[in-house]
Every structure is written in C-alpha cells, then in structure tokens.
Amino acid sequence: MSIAGDSEKLRSIWIGSCLLATCSYENMLRLWHLEEDENYVLTLLEMQGEEGATLQGDKINCIQYEPKGKVLVGGT
C-alpha cells in the first residue's frame, strides 16, 4: 500500500468486510475496498465559521469506527 502522508503515522482499521480505513496525518481519510480494488477519499472541508476558525491545515491523526451506528470518525 502506498501513501502520500507520513508512513510512520499511518493508522488503519477494518470497518467492514474487505473495507479498510486509513489516515496518515493528512487532511483526509482513505477507504480501501480490497475485494473490488477500489479506493475512496474523504477530505476535511476548508471553510470558515463565524469565529474565523478554519479547518485549513488540520491533519487527521486518529480514526475510529462504531459498527452499530456505522459511524466513522477522524480526529484532528
């Protein structure tokens, strides 16, 4: 598996049959469907709120999956 981020910070979890989620201190989560040889990317939006806070420059450094509610979370 080839990644663009920091390979030493790679985190991965299984989130379903043949479905792997990874993060490597980038602004995105990658989903790998191994059986179908496909991959998907979920990125942080670059938007500015009322307070002036932005997600620009934030990096995802951990991921967790809750199978009952089918919720995937990336922490920055």
PDB file of N, CA and C in Angstrom:
ATOM      1  N   MET A   1       0.852  -1.177   0.000  1.00  0.00           N
ATOM      2  CA  MET A   1       0.000   0.000   0.000  1.00  0.00           C
ATOM      3  C   MET A   1       0.893   1.234   0.000  1.00  0.00           C
ATOM      4  N   SER A   2       0.606   2.150  -0.866  1.00  0.00           N
ATOM      5  CA  SER A   2       1.375   3.374  -0.982  1.00  0.00           C
ATOM      6  C   SER A   2       0.556   4.542  -0.427  1.00  0.00           C
ATOM      7  N   ILE A   3       1.198   5.384   0.392  1.00  0.00           N
ATOM      8  CA  ILE A   3       0.513   6.542   0.965  1.00  0.00           C
ATOM      9  C   ILE A   3       1.331   7.800   0.731  1.00  0.00           C
ATOM     10  N   ALA A   4       0.657   8.941   0.705  1.00  0.00           N
ATOM     11  CA  ALA A   4       1.326  10.213   0.469  1.00  0.00           C
ATOM     12  C   ALA A   4       1.761  10.873   1.774  1.00  0.00           C
ATOM     13  N   GLY A   5       1.120  10.552   2.871  1.00  0.00           N
ATOM     14  CA  GLY A   5       1.439  11.183   4.151  1.00  0.00           C
ATOM     15  C   GLY A   5       2.634  10.538   4.823  1.00  0.00           C
ATOM     16  N   ASP A   6       2.753  10.734   6.103  1.00  0.00           N
ATOM     17  CA  ASP A   6       3.848  10.199   6.913  1.00  0.00           C
ATOM     18  C   ASP A   6       3.576   8.728   7.222  1.00  0.00           C
ATOM     19  N   SER A   7       4.346   7.825   6.642  1.00  0.00           N
ATOM     20  CA  SER A   7       4.097   6.386   6.811  1.00  0.00           C
ATOM     21  C   SER A   7       4.271   5.927   8.255  1.00  0.00           C
ATOM     22  N   GLU A   8       5.060   6.629   9.040  1.00  0.00           N
ATOM     23  CA  GLU A   8       5.232   6.265  10.445  1.00  0.00           C
ATOM     24  C   GLU A   8       4.010   6.632  11.277  1.00  0.00           C
ATOM     25  N   LYS A   9       3.167   7.513  10.766  1.00  0.00           N
ATOM     26  CA  LYS A   9       1.950   7.925  11.469  1.00  0.00           C
ATOM     27  C   LYS A   9       0.705   7.260  10.908  1.00  0.00           C
ATOM     28  N   LEU A  10       0.886   6.246  10.070  1.00  0.00           N
ATOM     29  CA  LEU A  10      -0.232   5.547   9.451  1.00  0.00           C
ATOM     30  C   LEU A  10      -1.066   4.835  10.507  1.00  0.00           C
ATOM     31  N   ARG A  11      -2.377   5.047  10.470  1.00  0.00           N
ATOM     32  CA  ARG A  11      -3.333   4.357  11.327  1.00  0.00           C
ATOM     33  C   ARG A  11      -4.356   3.705  10.417  1.00  0.00           C
ATOM     34  N   SER A  12      -4.733   2.481  10.718  1.00  0.00           N
ATOM     35  CA  SER A  12      -5.726   1.808   9.886  1.00  0.00           C
ATOM     36  C   SER A  12      -6.632   0.941  10.746  1.00  0.00           C
ATOM     37  N   ILE A  13      -7.882   0.811  10.296  1.00  0.00           N
ATOM     38  CA  ILE A  13      -8.863  -0.037  10.974  1.00  0.00           C
ATOM     39  C   ILE A  13      -9.754  -0.688   9.927  1.00  0.00           C
ATOM     40  N   TRP A  14     -10.215  -1.872  10.255  1.00  0.00           N
ATOM     41  CA  TRP A  14     -11.207  -2.534   9.407  1.00  0.00           C
ATOM     42  C   TRP A  14     -12.578  -1.983   9.762  1.00  0.00           C
ATOM     43  N   ILE A  15     -13.348  -1.588   8.738  1.00  0.00           N
ATOM     44  CA  ILE A  15     -14.682  -1.045   9.003  1.00  0.00           C
ATOM     45  C   ILE A  15     -15.768  -1.861   8.317  1.00  0.00           C
ATOM     46  N   GLY A  16     -15.410  -3.008   7.820  1.00  0.00           N
ATOM     47  CA  GLY A  16     -16.379  -3.886   7.171  1.00  0.00           C
ATOM     48  C   GLY A  16     -15.656  -4.989   6.442  1.00  0.00           C
ATOM     49  N   SER A  17     -16.413  -5.829   5.813  1.00  0.00           N
ATOM     50  CA  SER A  17     -15.836  -6.922   5.044  1.00  0.00           C
ATOM     51  C   SER A  17     -15.043  -6.360   3.865  1.00  0.00           C
ATOM     52  N   CYS A  18     -13.758  -6.589   3.869  1.00  0.00           N
ATOM     53  CA  CYS A  18     -12.844  -6.128   2.802  1.00  0.00           C
ATOM     54  C   CYS A  18     -12.725  -4.610   2.713  1.00  0.00           C
ATOM     55  N   LEU A  19     -13.138  -3.862   3.746  1.00  0.00           N
ATOM     56  CA  LEU A  19     -13.080  -2.400   3.716  1.00  0.00           C
ATOM     57  C   LEU A  19     -12.168  -1.899   4.830  1.00  0.00           C
ATOM     58  N   LEU A  20     -11.096  -1.227   4.420  1.00  0.00           N
ATOM     59  CA  LEU A  20     -10.080  -0.718   5.337  1.00  0.00           C
ATOM     60  C   LEU A  20     -10.080   0.805   5.286  1.00  0.00           C
ATOM     61  N   ALA A  21     -10.017   1.451   6.454  1.00  0.00           N
ATOM     62  CA  ALA A  21      -9.918   2.914   6.523  1.00  0.00           C
ATOM     63  C   ALA A  21      -8.543   3.265   7.069  1.00  0.00           C
ATOM     64  N   THR A  22      -7.900   4.271   6.456  1.00  0.00           N
ATOM     65  CA  THR A  22      -6.574   4.681   6.901  1.00  0.00           C
ATOM     66  C   THR A  22      -6.491   6.202   7.011  1.00  0.00           C
ATOM     67  N   CYS A  23      -5.597   6.646   7.866  1.00  0.00           N
ATOM     68  CA  CYS A  23      -5.203   8.050   7.924  1.00  0.00           C
ATOM     69  C   CYS A  23      -3.702   8.081   8.178  1.00  0.00           C
ATOM     70  N   SER A  24      -3.047   9.115   7.689  1.00  0.00           N
ATOM     71  CA  SER A  24      -1.591   9.211   7.858  1.00  0.00           C
ATOM     72  C   SER A  24      -1.160  10.664   8.050  1.00  0.00           C
ATOM     73  N   TYR A  25      -1.858  11.345   8.954  1.00  0.00           N
ATOM     74  CA  TYR A  25      -1.573  12.746   9.283  1.00  0.00           C
ATOM     75  C   TYR A  25      -1.683  13.635   8.045  1.00  0.00           C
ATOM     76  N   GLU A  26      -2.769  13.445   7.300  1.00  0.00           N
ATOM     77  CA  GLU A  26      -3.124  14.293   6.169  1.00  0.00           C
ATOM     78  C   GLU A  26      -4.485  14.908   6.475  1.00  0.00           C
ATOM     79  N   ASN A  27      -5.044  15.670   5.551  1.00  0.00           N
ATOM     80  CA  ASN A  27      -6.373  16.258   5.759  1.00  0.00           C
ATOM     81  C   ASN A  27      -7.461  15.342   5.207  1.00  0.00           C
ATOM     82  N   MET A  28      -7.180  14.036   5.118  1.00  0.00           N
ATOM     83  CA  MET A  28      -8.143  13.113   4.522  1.00  0.00           C
ATOM     84  C   MET A  28      -8.090  11.734   5.166  1.00  0.00           C
ATOM     85  N   LEU A  29      -9.206  11.026   5.019  1.00  0.00           N
ATOM     86  CA  LEU A  29      -9.294   9.607   5.342  1.00  0.00           C
ATOM     87  C   LEU A  29      -9.366   8.862   4.014  1.00  0.00           C
ATOM     88  N   ARG A  30      -8.709   7.743   3.950  1.00  0.00           N
ATOM     89  CA  ARG A  30      -8.768   6.915   2.747  1.00  0.00           C
ATOM     90  C   ARG A  30      -9.498   5.625   3.079  1.00  0.00           C
ATOM     91  N   LEU A  31     -10.376   5.218   2.192  1.00  0.00           N
ATOM     92  CA  LEU A  31     -11.106   3.960   2.336  1.00  0.00           C
ATOM     93  C   LEU A  31     -10.676   3.047   1.190  1.00  0.00           C
ATOM     94  N   TRP A  32     -10.300   1.828   1.532  1.00  0.00           N
ATOM     95  CA  TRP A  32      -9.809   0.861   0.558  1.00  0.00           C
ATOM     96  C   TRP A  32     -10.760  -0.330   0.538  1.00  0.00           C
ATOM     97  N   HIS A  33     -11.439  -0.549  -0.586  1.00  0.00           N
ATOM     98  CA  HIS A  33     -12.290  -1.730  -0.744  1.00  0.00           C
ATOM     99  C   HIS A  33     -11.438  -2.765  -1.480  1.00  0.00           C
ATOM    100  N   LEU A  34     -10.863  -3.686  -0.734  1.00  0.00           N
ATOM    101  CA  LEU A  34      -9.873  -4.600  -1.275  1.00  0.00           C
ATOM    102  C   LEU A  34     -10.458  -5.612  -2.253  1.00  0.00           C
ATOM    103  N   GLU A  35     -11.662  -6.066  -2.004  1.00  0.00           N
ATOM    104  CA  GLU A  35     -12.271  -7.059  -2.886  1.00  0.00           C
ATOM    105  C   GLU A  35     -12.553  -6.499  -4.280  1.00  0.00           C
ATOM    106  N   GLU A  36     -12.973  -5.244  -4.344  1.00  0.00           N
ATOM    107  CA  GLU A  36     -13.303  -4.614  -5.622  1.00  0.00           C
ATOM    108  C   GLU A  36     -12.157  -3.783  -6.193  1.00  0.00           C
ATOM    109  N   ASP A  37     -11.018  -3.740  -5.475  1.00  0.00           N
ATOM    110  CA  ASP A  37      -9.839  -2.984  -5.893  1.00  0.00           C
ATOM    111  C   ASP A  37     -10.175  -1.518  -6.185  1.00  0.00           C
ATOM    112  N   GLU A  38     -10.936  -0.905  -5.263  1.00  0.00           N
ATOM    113  CA  GLU A  38     -11.313   0.498  -5.379  1.00  0.00           C
ATOM    114  C   GLU A  38     -10.900   1.233  -4.104  1.00  0.00           C
ATOM    115  N   ASN A  39     -10.732   2.545  -4.211  1.00  0.00           N
ATOM    116  CA  ASN A  39     -10.455   3.352  -3.027  1.00  0.00           C
ATOM    117  C   ASN A  39     -11.196   4.673  -3.124  1.00  0.00           C
ATOM    118  N   TYR A  40     -11.432   5.252  -1.958  1.00  0.00           N
ATOM    119  CA  TYR A  40     -12.209   6.490  -1.838  1.00  0.00           C
ATOM    120  C   TYR A  40     -11.475   7.416  -0.873  1.00  0.00           C
ATOM    121  N   VAL A  41     -11.709   8.714  -1.016  1.00  0.00           N
ATOM    122  CA  VAL A  41     -11.073   9.708  -0.153  1.00  0.00           C
ATOM    123  C   VAL A  41     -12.146  10.602   0.444  1.00  0.00           C
ATOM    124  N   LEU A  42     -12.076  10.796   1.757  1.00  0.00           N
ATOM    125  CA  LEU A  42     -12.930  11.761   2.466  1.00  0.00           C
ATOM    126  C   LEU A  42     -12.018  12.857   2.998  1.00  0.00           C
ATOM    127  N   THR A  43     -12.242  14.105   2.583  1.00  0.00           N
ATOM    128  CA  THR A  43     -11.358  15.196   2.985  1.00  0.00           C
ATOM    129  C   THR A  43     -12.060  16.157   3.941  1.00  0.00           C
ATOM    130  N   LEU A  44     -11.254  16.859   4.720  1.00  0.00           N
ATOM    131  CA  LEU A  44     -11.777  17.929   5.566  1.00  0.00           C
ATOM    132  C   LEU A  44     -12.123  19.110   4.672  1.00  0.00           C
ATOM    133  N   LEU A  45     -13.230  19.751   4.950  1.00  0.00           N
ATOM    134  CA  LEU A  45     -13.623  20.927   4.185  1.00  0.00           C
ATOM    135  C   LEU A  45     -12.807  22.129   4.635  1.00  0.00           C
ATOM    136  N   GLU A  46     -12.469  22.990   3.695  1.00  0.00           N
ATOM    137  CA  GLU A  46     -11.800  24.242   4.043  1.00  0.00           C
ATOM    138  C   GLU A  46     -12.867  25.324   4.076  1.00  0.00           C
ATOM    139  N   MET A  47     -13.441  25.524   5.258  1.00  0.00           N
ATOM    140  CA  MET A  47     -14.497  26.515   5.389  1.00  0.00           C
ATOM    141  C   MET A  47     -14.228  27.366   6.620  1.00  0.00           C
ATOM    142  N   GLN A  48     -14.730  28.545   6.612  1.00  0.00           N
ATOM    143  CA  GLN A  48     -14.508  29.475   7.695  1.00  0.00           C
ATOM    144  C   GLN A  48     -15.829  29.757   8.400  1.00  0.00           C
ATOM    145  N   GLY A  49     -15.829  29.597   9.714  1.00  0.00           N
ATOM    146  CA  GLY A  49     -17.022  29.854  10.502  1.00  0.00           C
ATOM    147  C   GLY A  49     -17.118  31.300  10.940  1.00  0.00           C
ATOM    148  N   GLU A  50     -18.131  31.590  11.724  1.00  0.00           N
ATOM    149  CA  GLU A  50     -18.354  32.945  12.210  1.00  0.00           C
ATOM    150  C   GLU A  50     -17.203  33.437  13.086  1.00  0.00           C
ATOM    151  N   GLU A  51     -16.590  32.514  13.790  1.00  0.00           N
ATOM    152  CA  GLU A  51     -15.494  32.873  14.693  1.00  0.00           C
ATOM    153  C   GLU A  51     -14.182  33.073  13.941  1.00  0.00           C
ATOM    154  N   GLY A  52     -14.154  32.755  12.655  1.00  0.00           N
ATOM    155  CA  GLY A  52     -12.929  32.876  11.880  1.00  0.00           C
ATOM    156  C   GLY A  52     -12.088  31.616  11.893  1.00  0.00           C
ATOM    157  N   ALA A  53     -12.549  30.565  12.593  1.00  0.00           N
ATOM    158  CA  ALA A  53     -11.801  29.319  12.655  1.00  0.00           C
ATOM    159  C   ALA A  53     -11.935  28.572  11.333  1.00  0.00           C
ATOM    160  N   THR A  54     -10.865  27.959  10.898  1.00  0.00           N
ATOM    161  CA  THR A  54     -10.890  27.174   9.668  1.00  0.00           C
ATOM    162  C   THR A  54     -10.334  25.784   9.931  1.00  0.00           C
ATOM    163  N   LEU A  55     -10.600  24.874   9.013  1.00  0.00           N
ATOM    164  CA  LEU A  55     -10.030  23.532   9.061  1.00  0.00           C
ATOM    165  C   LEU A  55      -8.782  23.446   8.195  1.00  0.00           C
ATOM    166  N   GLN A  56      -8.459  24.530   7.524  1.00  0.00           N
ATOM    167  CA  GLN A  56      -7.289  24.538   6.654  1.00  0.00           C
ATOM    168  C   GLN A  56      -6.043  24.278   7.491  1.00  0.00           C
ATOM    169  N   GLY A  57      -5.270  23.316   7.104  1.00  0.00           N
ATOM    170  CA  GLY A  57      -4.058  22.976   7.837  1.00  0.00           C
ATOM    171  C   GLY A  57      -4.258  21.895   8.877  1.00  0.00           C
ATOM    172  N   ASP A  58      -5.502  21.556   9.217  1.00  0.00           N
ATOM    173  CA  ASP A  58      -5.746  20.470  10.172  1.00  0.00           C
ATOM    174  C   ASP A  58      -5.372  19.138   9.545  1.00  0.00           C
ATOM    175  N   LYS A  59      -4.851  18.237  10.358  1.00  0.00           N
ATOM    176  CA  LYS A  59      -4.455  16.912   9.907  1.00  0.00           C
ATOM    177  C   LYS A  59      -5.180  15.864  10.739  1.00  0.00           C
ATOM    178  N   ILE A  60      -5.639  14.801  10.108  1.00  0.00           N
ATOM    179  CA  ILE A  60      -6.306  13.706  10.815  1.00  0.00           C
ATOM    180  C   ILE A  60      -5.240  12.757  11.334  1.00  0.00           C
ATOM    181  N   ASN A  61      -5.230  12.543  12.650  1.00  0.00           N
ATOM    182  CA  ASN A  61      -4.185  11.704  13.236  1.00  0.00           C
ATOM    183  C   ASN A  61      -4.716  10.438  13.907  1.00  0.00           C
ATOM    184  N   CYS A  62      -6.032  10.259  13.950  1.00  0.00           N
ATOM    185  CA  CYS A  62      -6.595   9.033  14.515  1.00  0.00           C
ATOM    186  C   CYS A  62      -7.969   8.783  13.896  1.00  0.00           C
ATOM    187  N   ILE A  63      -8.350   7.514  13.859  1.00  0.00           N
ATOM    188  CA  ILE A  63      -9.649   7.143  13.312  1.00  0.00           C
ATOM    189  C   ILE A  63     -10.288   6.093  14.207  1.00  0.00           C
ATOM    190  N   GLN A  64     -11.598   6.094  14.207  1.00  0.00           N
ATOM    191  CA  GLN A  64     -12.365   5.109  14.982  1.00  0.00           C
ATOM    192  C   GLN A  64     -13.651   4.808  14.224  1.00  0.00           C
ATOM    193  N   TYR A  65     -14.117   3.593  14.366  1.00  0.00           N
ATOM    194  CA  TYR A  65     -15.349   3.181  13.706  1.00  0.00           C
ATOM    195  C   TYR A  65     -16.275   2.544  14.728  1.00  0.00           C
ATOM    196  N   GLU A  66     -17.545   2.937  14.691  1.00  0.00           N
ATOM    197  CA  GLU A  66     -18.559   2.368  15.572  1.00  0.00           C
ATOM    198  C   GLU A  66     -19.519   1.582  14.693  1.00  0.00           C
ATOM    199  N   PRO A  67     -19.414   0.233  14.720  1.00  0.00           N
ATOM    200  CA  PRO A  67     -20.178  -0.577  13.765  1.00  0.00           C
ATOM    201  C   PRO A  67     -21.681  -0.555  13.955  1.00  0.00           C
ATOM    202  N   LYS A  68     -22.167  -0.415  15.175  1.00  0.00           N
ATOM    203  CA  LYS A  68     -23.619  -0.426  15.397  1.00  0.00           C
ATOM    204  C   LYS A  68     -24.290   0.744  14.677  1.00  0.00           C
ATOM    205  N   GLY A  69     -23.759   1.928  14.817  1.00  0.00           N
ATOM    206  CA  GLY A  69     -24.315   3.107  14.146  1.00  0.00           C
ATOM    207  C   GLY A  69     -23.688   3.386  12.797  1.00  0.00           C
ATOM    208  N   LYS A  70     -22.686   2.575  12.419  1.00  0.00           N
ATOM    209  CA  LYS A  70     -21.956   2.755  11.160  1.00  0.00           C
ATOM    210  C   LYS A  70     -21.400   4.167  11.028  1.00  0.00           C
ATOM    211  N   VAL A  71     -20.674   4.610  12.079  1.00  0.00           N
ATOM    212  CA  VAL A  71     -20.115   5.946  12.132  1.00  0.00           C
ATOM    213  C   VAL A  71     -18.595   5.845  12.094  1.00  0.00           C
ATOM    214  N   LEU A  72     -17.986   6.559  11.149  1.00  0.00           N
ATOM    215  CA  LEU A  72     -16.541   6.649  11.032  1.00  0.00           C
ATOM    216  C   LEU A  72     -16.122   8.048  11.466  1.00  0.00           C
ATOM    217  N   VAL A  73     -15.158   8.126  12.385  1.00  0.00           N
ATOM    218  CA  VAL A  73     -14.728   9.409  12.937  1.00  0.00           C
ATOM    219  C   VAL A  73     -13.231   9.563  12.731  1.00  0.00           C
ATOM    220  N   GLY A  74     -12.826  10.764  12.320  1.00  0.00           N
ATOM    221  CA  GLY A  74     -11.414  11.106  12.226  1.00  0.00           C
ATOM    222  C   GLY A  74     -11.126  12.258  13.169  1.00  0.00           C
ATOM    223  N   GLY A  75     -10.123  12.074  14.023  1.00  0.00           N
ATOM    224  CA  GLY A  75      -9.748  13.120  14.981  1.00  0.00           C
ATOM    225  C   GLY A  75      -8.573  13.937  14.486  1.00  0.00           C
ATOM    226  N   THR A  76      -8.631  15.240  14.745  1.00  0.00           N
ATOM    227  CA  THR A  76      -7.536  16.139  14.326  1.00  0.00           C
ATOM    228  C   THR A  76      -6.743  16.595  15.527  1.00  0.00           C
TER     229      THR A  76
END
